[in-house]
Amino acid sequence: MTQIQKVEIKEFYSDPQPEHIVLWVSRHPPIKAQIETLKKKLGSIKVLQVSGLIPSAEFVAELVKKFNAQYVVPVLPLSFIARLSELARKNGFTLLWAEMEMVKQMNSEPKPNVDYNPENEVFIKGYEGTYKIMRFKQFHVIKAVKLELEPW
């Protein structure tokens, strides 16, 4: 029996009178440094987290229209992001990439405020019991995703 996971949309953060709406399309919520950077660039914001099994880039574009969002931060497969970049151009919303850099790798589960700062860092469980500490650097506007090939 196949079980279909539904998509969950919840308000993660909102200023009293938000000027901009951001769709955060990820199973992981944004961290404090990411919210602060968005606020610094955009002013007052509302962040809606979209999580679950995202069926298509077109589905995300429909959510943009439904919630009148101007920005989307997609943590999705590159094929989705490539299609979203096309839809962003056609529909007038902006895609943002949250750049993260690995700053440490550990062999045991990291402890918040000891091994990493949860305001600007997260950890990702890797292979064979490893954990990567990732630090938020900045946002980039995603203009396109392309594959550049040469003969082999």
C-alpha atoms as a PDB file:
ATOM      1  CA  MET A   1       0.000   0.000   0.000  1.00  0.00           C
ATOM      2  CA  THR A   2       1.410   3.379  -1.003  1.00  0.00           C
ATOM      3  CA  GLN A   3       1.103   6.149   1.511  1.00  0.00           C
ATOM      4  CA  ILE A   4       0.964   9.709   0.151  1.00  0.00           C
ATOM      5  CA  GLN A   5       2.582  12.264   2.402  1.00  0.00           C
ATOM      6  CA  LYS A   6       0.732  15.545   2.445  1.00  0.00           C
ATOM      7  CA  VAL A   7       2.348  18.942   2.126  1.00  0.00           C
ATOM      8  CA  GLU A   8       2.328  21.042   5.282  1.00  0.00           C
ATOM      9  CA  ILE A   9       2.305  24.841   5.140  1.00  0.00           C
ATOM     10  CA  LYS A  10       2.797  26.750   8.360  1.00  0.00           C
ATOM     11  CA  GLU A  11       3.696  30.265   9.353  1.00  0.00           C
ATOM     12  CA  PHE A  12       7.226  30.117  10.734  1.00  0.00           C
ATOM     13  CA  TYR A  13       7.830  33.817  11.328  1.00  0.00           C
ATOM     14  CA  SER A  14       5.952  37.068  10.820  1.00  0.00           C
ATOM     15  CA  ASP A  15       6.517  40.723  11.551  1.00  0.00           C
ATOM     16  CA  PRO A  16       3.353  42.649  12.561  1.00  0.00           C
ATOM     17  CA  GLN A  17       2.742  44.117   9.078  1.00  0.00           C
ATOM     18  CA  PRO A  18       4.877  42.139   6.630  1.00  0.00           C
ATOM     19  CA  GLU A  19       5.799  43.836   3.358  1.00  0.00           C
ATOM     20  CA  HIS A  20       7.190  40.649   1.792  1.00  0.00           C
ATOM     21  CA  ILE A  21       6.178  36.999   1.913  1.00  0.00           C
ATOM     22  CA  VAL A  22       8.853  34.315   1.666  1.00  0.00           C
ATOM     23  CA  LEU A  23       8.092  30.658   0.970  1.00  0.00           C
ATOM     24  CA  TRP A  24      10.715  28.497   2.685  1.00  0.00           C
ATOM     25  CA  VAL A  25      10.366  25.172   0.847  1.00  0.00           C
ATOM     26  CA  SER A  26      12.272  22.718   3.034  1.00  0.00           C
ATOM     27  CA  ARG A  27      11.691  20.080   5.668  1.00  0.00           C
ATOM     28  CA  HIS A  28      14.035  22.128   7.887  1.00  0.00           C
ATOM     29  CA  PRO A  29      12.973  25.549   9.168  1.00  0.00           C
ATOM     30  CA  PRO A  30      15.193  28.586   8.674  1.00  0.00           C
ATOM     31  CA  ILE A  31      17.661  29.463  11.413  1.00  0.00           C
ATOM     32  CA  LYS A  32      17.873  32.826  13.178  1.00  0.00           C
ATOM     33  CA  ALA A  33      20.732  34.148  10.996  1.00  0.00           C
ATOM     34  CA  GLN A  34      18.716  33.410   7.849  1.00  0.00           C
ATOM     35  CA  ILE A  35      15.626  35.220   9.159  1.00  0.00           C
ATOM     36  CA  GLU A  36      17.762  38.193  10.223  1.00  0.00           C
ATOM     37  CA  THR A  37      19.423  38.361   6.791  1.00  0.00           C
ATOM     38  CA  LEU A  38      16.050  38.267   5.035  1.00  0.00           C
ATOM     39  CA  LYS A  39      14.762  41.053   7.303  1.00  0.00           C
ATOM     40  CA  LYS A  40      17.887  43.147   6.706  1.00  0.00           C
ATOM     41  CA  LYS A  41      17.472  42.862   2.909  1.00  0.00           C
ATOM     42  CA  LEU A  42      13.674  42.983   2.640  1.00  0.00           C
ATOM     43  CA  GLY A  43      12.332  44.803   5.690  1.00  0.00           C
ATOM     44  CA  SER A  44       9.287  43.348   7.384  1.00  0.00           C
ATOM     45  CA  ILE A  45       8.593  39.763   6.327  1.00  0.00           C
ATOM     46  CA  LYS A  46       6.391  36.733   6.778  1.00  0.00           C
ATOM     47  CA  VAL A  47       8.012  33.319   6.276  1.00  0.00           C
ATOM     48  CA  LEU A  48       5.816  30.361   5.390  1.00  0.00           C
ATOM     49  CA  GLN A  49       7.500  26.981   5.681  1.00  0.00           C
ATOM     50  CA  VAL A  50       6.373  24.445   3.080  1.00  0.00           C
ATOM     51  CA  SER A  51       7.395  20.890   3.911  1.00  0.00           C
ATOM     52  CA  GLY A  52       6.440  17.361   2.983  1.00  0.00           C
ATOM     53  CA  LEU A  53       6.438  15.654  -0.389  1.00  0.00           C
ATOM     54  CA  ILE A  54       6.541  18.498  -2.927  1.00  0.00           C
ATOM     55  CA  PRO A  55       5.027  17.089  -6.131  1.00  0.00           C
ATOM     56  CA  SER A  56       6.460  19.571  -8.664  1.00  0.00           C
ATOM     57  CA  ALA A  57       7.934  22.992  -9.317  1.00  0.00           C
ATOM     58  CA  GLU A  58       4.543  23.995 -10.727  1.00  0.00           C
ATOM     59  CA  PHE A  59       2.996  23.179  -7.333  1.00  0.00           C
ATOM     60  CA  VAL A  60       5.422  25.614  -5.663  1.00  0.00           C
ATOM     61  CA  ALA A  61       4.628  28.291  -8.274  1.00  0.00           C
ATOM     62  CA  GLU A  62       0.913  27.854  -7.505  1.00  0.00           C
ATOM     63  CA  LEU A  63       1.667  28.380  -3.795  1.00  0.00           C
ATOM     64  CA  VAL A  64       3.522  31.581  -4.713  1.00  0.00           C
ATOM     65  CA  LYS A  65       0.335  32.833  -6.380  1.00  0.00           C
ATOM     66  CA  LYS A  66      -1.949  31.576  -3.601  1.00  0.00           C
ATOM     67  CA  PHE A  67       0.016  33.319  -0.830  1.00  0.00           C
ATOM     68  CA  ASN A  68       1.168  36.296  -2.939  1.00  0.00           C
ATOM     69  CA  ALA A  69       4.795  35.464  -2.126  1.00  0.00           C
ATOM     70  CA  GLN A  70       7.609  37.403  -3.739  1.00  0.00           C
ATOM     71  CA  TYR A  71      10.493  35.139  -2.674  1.00  0.00           C
ATOM     72  CA  VAL A  72      11.086  31.384  -2.540  1.00  0.00           C
ATOM     73  CA  VAL A  73      13.966  29.636  -0.784  1.00  0.00           C
ATOM     74  CA  PRO A  74      13.909  26.106  -2.233  1.00  0.00           C
ATOM     75  CA  VAL A  75      15.790  23.255  -0.575  1.00  0.00           C
ATOM     76  CA  LEU A  76      14.807  20.832  -3.306  1.00  0.00           C
ATOM     77  CA  PRO A  77      16.409  18.639  -5.973  1.00  0.00           C
ATOM     78  CA  LEU A  78      18.248  20.631  -8.651  1.00  0.00           C
ATOM     79  CA  SER A  79      15.778  19.510 -11.316  1.00  0.00           C
ATOM     80  CA  PHE A  80      12.976  21.211  -9.319  1.00  0.00           C
ATOM     81  CA  ILE A  81      15.097  24.325  -8.816  1.00  0.00           C
ATOM     82  CA  ALA A  82      15.918  24.464 -12.548  1.00  0.00           C
ATOM     83  CA  ARG A  83      12.219  24.397 -13.423  1.00  0.00           C
ATOM     84  CA  LEU A  84      11.403  26.862 -10.636  1.00  0.00           C
ATOM     85  CA  SER A  85      13.943  29.305 -12.083  1.00  0.00           C
ATOM     86  CA  GLU A  86      12.005  29.223 -15.375  1.00  0.00           C
ATOM     87  CA  LEU A  87       8.696  29.693 -13.552  1.00  0.00           C
ATOM     88  CA  ALA A  88      10.175  32.543 -11.471  1.00  0.00           C
ATOM     89  CA  ARG A  89      11.069  34.450 -14.646  1.00  0.00           C
ATOM     90  CA  LYS A  90       7.582  33.913 -16.093  1.00  0.00           C
ATOM     91  CA  ASN A  91       5.693  34.676 -12.892  1.00  0.00           C
ATOM     92  CA  GLY A  92       7.788  37.454 -11.356  1.00  0.00           C
ATOM     93  CA  PHE A  93       9.054  35.921  -8.113  1.00  0.00           C
ATOM     94  CA  THR A  94      12.636  35.639  -6.898  1.00  0.00           C
ATOM     95  CA  LEU A  95      14.429  32.396  -6.012  1.00  0.00           C
ATOM     96  CA  LEU A  96      17.023  32.564  -3.247  1.00  0.00           C
ATOM     97  CA  TRP A  97      19.788  30.055  -2.494  1.00  0.00           C
ATOM     98  CA  ALA A  98      20.873  29.810   1.152  1.00  0.00           C
ATOM     99  CA  GLU A  99      24.627  29.251   0.920  1.00  0.00           C
ATOM    100  CA  MET A 100      26.000  27.050   3.694  1.00  0.00           C
ATOM    101  CA  GLU A 101      29.627  26.109   4.303  1.00  0.00           C
ATOM    102  CA  MET A 102      30.959  23.123   6.206  1.00  0.00           C
ATOM    103  CA  VAL A 103      32.998  24.318   9.173  1.00  0.00           C
ATOM    104  CA  LYS A 104      33.516  21.073  11.101  1.00  0.00           C
ATOM    105  CA  GLN A 105      32.982  17.330  10.937  1.00  0.00           C
ATOM    106  CA  MET A 106      32.403  15.186  14.005  1.00  0.00           C
ATOM    107  CA  ASN A 107      32.049  11.495  14.855  1.00  0.00           C
ATOM    108  CA  SER A 108      29.361  12.026  17.491  1.00  0.00           C
ATOM    109  CA  GLU A 109      26.102  13.948  17.449  1.00  0.00           C
ATOM    110  CA  PRO A 110      26.871  17.658  17.959  1.00  0.00           C
ATOM    111  CA  LYS A 111      25.477  19.458  20.977  1.00  0.00           C
ATOM    112  CA  PRO A 112      23.898  22.895  20.469  1.00  0.00           C
ATOM    113  CA  ASN A 113      25.832  25.794  22.044  1.00  0.00           C
ATOM    114  CA  VAL A 114      28.747  23.411  22.668  1.00  0.00           C
ATOM    115  CA  ASP A 115      29.729  22.043  19.259  1.00  0.00           C
ATOM    116  CA  TYR A 116      27.801  24.508  17.115  1.00  0.00           C
ATOM    117  CA  ASN A 117      25.888  27.784  17.362  1.00  0.00           C
ATOM    118  CA  PRO A 118      22.220  27.074  16.496  1.00  0.00           C
ATOM    119  CA  GLU A 119      21.655  30.735  15.574  1.00  0.00           C
ATOM    120  CA  ASN A 120      23.825  30.469  12.443  1.00  0.00           C
ATOM    121  CA  GLU A 121      24.769  26.770  12.156  1.00  0.00           C
ATOM    122  CA  VAL A 122      23.059  23.423  11.683  1.00  0.00           C
ATOM    123  CA  PHE A 123      24.311  19.862  11.572  1.00  0.00           C
ATOM    124  CA  ILE A 124      23.703  17.213   8.969  1.00  0.00           C
ATOM    125  CA  LYS A 125      24.032  13.525   9.684  1.00  0.00           C
ATOM    126  CA  GLY A 126      26.446  12.015   7.183  1.00  0.00           C
ATOM    127  CA  TYR A 127      27.575   8.502   6.435  1.00  0.00           C
ATOM    128  CA  GLU A 128      28.907   6.008   8.977  1.00  0.00           C
ATOM    129  CA  GLY A 129      28.135   8.076  12.063  1.00  0.00           C
ATOM    130  CA  THR A 130      29.620  11.365  10.904  1.00  0.00           C
ATOM    131  CA  TYR A 131      28.051  14.776  11.400  1.00  0.00           C
ATOM    132  CA  LYS A 132      28.802  17.925   9.426  1.00  0.00           C
ATOM    133  CA  ILE A 133      28.439  21.358  10.995  1.00  0.00           C
ATOM    134  CA  MET A 134      27.195  23.771   8.331  1.00  0.00           C
ATOM    135  CA  ARG A 135      27.291  27.572   8.786  1.00  0.00           C
ATOM    136  CA  PHE A 136      24.997  29.959   6.944  1.00  0.00           C
ATOM    137  CA  LYS A 137      26.990  32.411   4.803  1.00  0.00           C
ATOM    138  CA  GLN A 138      24.577  34.371   2.631  1.00  0.00           C
ATOM    139  CA  PHE A 139      21.717  34.297   0.167  1.00  0.00           C
ATOM    140  CA  HIS A 140      22.160  34.342  -3.606  1.00  0.00           C
ATOM    141  CA  VAL A 141      19.530  34.997  -6.260  1.00  0.00           C
ATOM    142  CA  ILE A 142      19.120  31.880  -8.414  1.00  0.00           C
ATOM    143  CA  LYS A 143      18.921  32.995 -12.033  1.00  0.00           C
ATOM    144  CA  ALA A 144      19.214  29.575 -13.695  1.00  0.00           C
ATOM    145  CA  VAL A 145      20.468  26.037 -13.224  1.00  0.00           C
ATOM    146  CA  LYS A 146      22.412  24.685 -16.153  1.00  0.00           C
ATOM    147  CA  LEU A 147      24.501  21.661 -17.005  1.00  0.00           C
ATOM    148  CA  GLU A 148      27.641  22.406 -19.000  1.00  0.00           C
ATOM    149  CA  LEU A 149      29.020  19.404 -20.867  1.00  0.00           C
ATOM    150  CA  GLU A 150      31.951  18.604 -23.105  1.00  0.00           C
ATOM    151  CA  PRO A 151      32.680  15.502 -25.181  1.00  0.00           C
ATOM    152  CA  TRP A 152      34.486  12.682 -23.431  1.00  0.00           C
END
